[in-house]
Amino acid sequence: MVDSSLTDGFADRIALVTGASSGIGYETALALGKAGARVGLNYRSNRTGAEKGVEQIRNAGGEAIAIQADVSQSEEVDRMFQQLAGAFGDRIELLVNNAGQWMDRCPLVDCTDAQIDQMWQVNARSVLLCCRAAARKMIAQREGSIVNVSSVVGHSGGGGGTLPYAAAKAAVNTLTRGLARELGPHGIRVNGIAPGVVDTPMMTGRVGPELRAKVEAMTPLGRLGEPQEIASAILSLLSPASSFISGTILDVDGGYLTR
């Protein structure tokens, strides 16, 4: 559960969370909804997960809708924002770009064009498109807060075999810093979160017992992260309590990068 001390200042804010049908995105959307925000839960294919999140938010007295869209495609991003406006009004104060996709390990020399393009489109192009759509509304409002979900591999390049993914996440970091400069004069904050290895459905089947034990041994806190812990960090950056924080990439990795 997200710490209740992080949930002040979200009442009646309109929020959109991409990739919200499971894991980090799901927990973030749930926390925002329970804090009083009116939340759009984006999903690409896991309708059941997104609708479960909507149901939980509504059961807690909040407002939420599920919106299907492939956020790597411009026309679908536009449609997603139109659906959000149709449900809650033509505003958006909070955007969390969480949609992403991991890749099976493959040396760059063996990667196909399709693999490289997929990593770019899902993990980086989607963030550009959603930031552009949100910024157009936020500039007119003179307010807004964006959090982009990156990864520690955006700093390190990864442990080998996932370079297209790591490069896309590094692009997210650069976008976050540059957009913070671009949008700051309009009263809009842009920050990023760089999680370490988190125990999410996306990791199921990719982190077996041996690799999990290795990652835990390399992490000073001795364990994987939990989705709720990343959601807490995201809410902290979105919160009015972080009103002078912009252009920051916050590592939430149990100390992994200190090793």
Foldseek 3Di string as FASTA:
>chain_A
DFDPVLLPPLAAAEEEFEPCLWFLNVLLQLSSLLSHYAYEYEDAPNPVSRVVSQVNSVVSVGHYDYQHFQLLDLVRLVVSLVVSCVVRNNAHAEYEYDFAAFDDFDAPVPDDPVNLVRLQSGQASSVVSNCVVNLVRLLVVLHHEYEYEAAPLCVVCDDHRRNSNNVNSVNVLVCQLVVQVVCVVSHYAGEYEHEYAEPIPSCVPVQDPVNQQVQLVLAPVSHHHYSSQSSNVVSNRRDVVVSPDHSYYHYHYNCNVVD
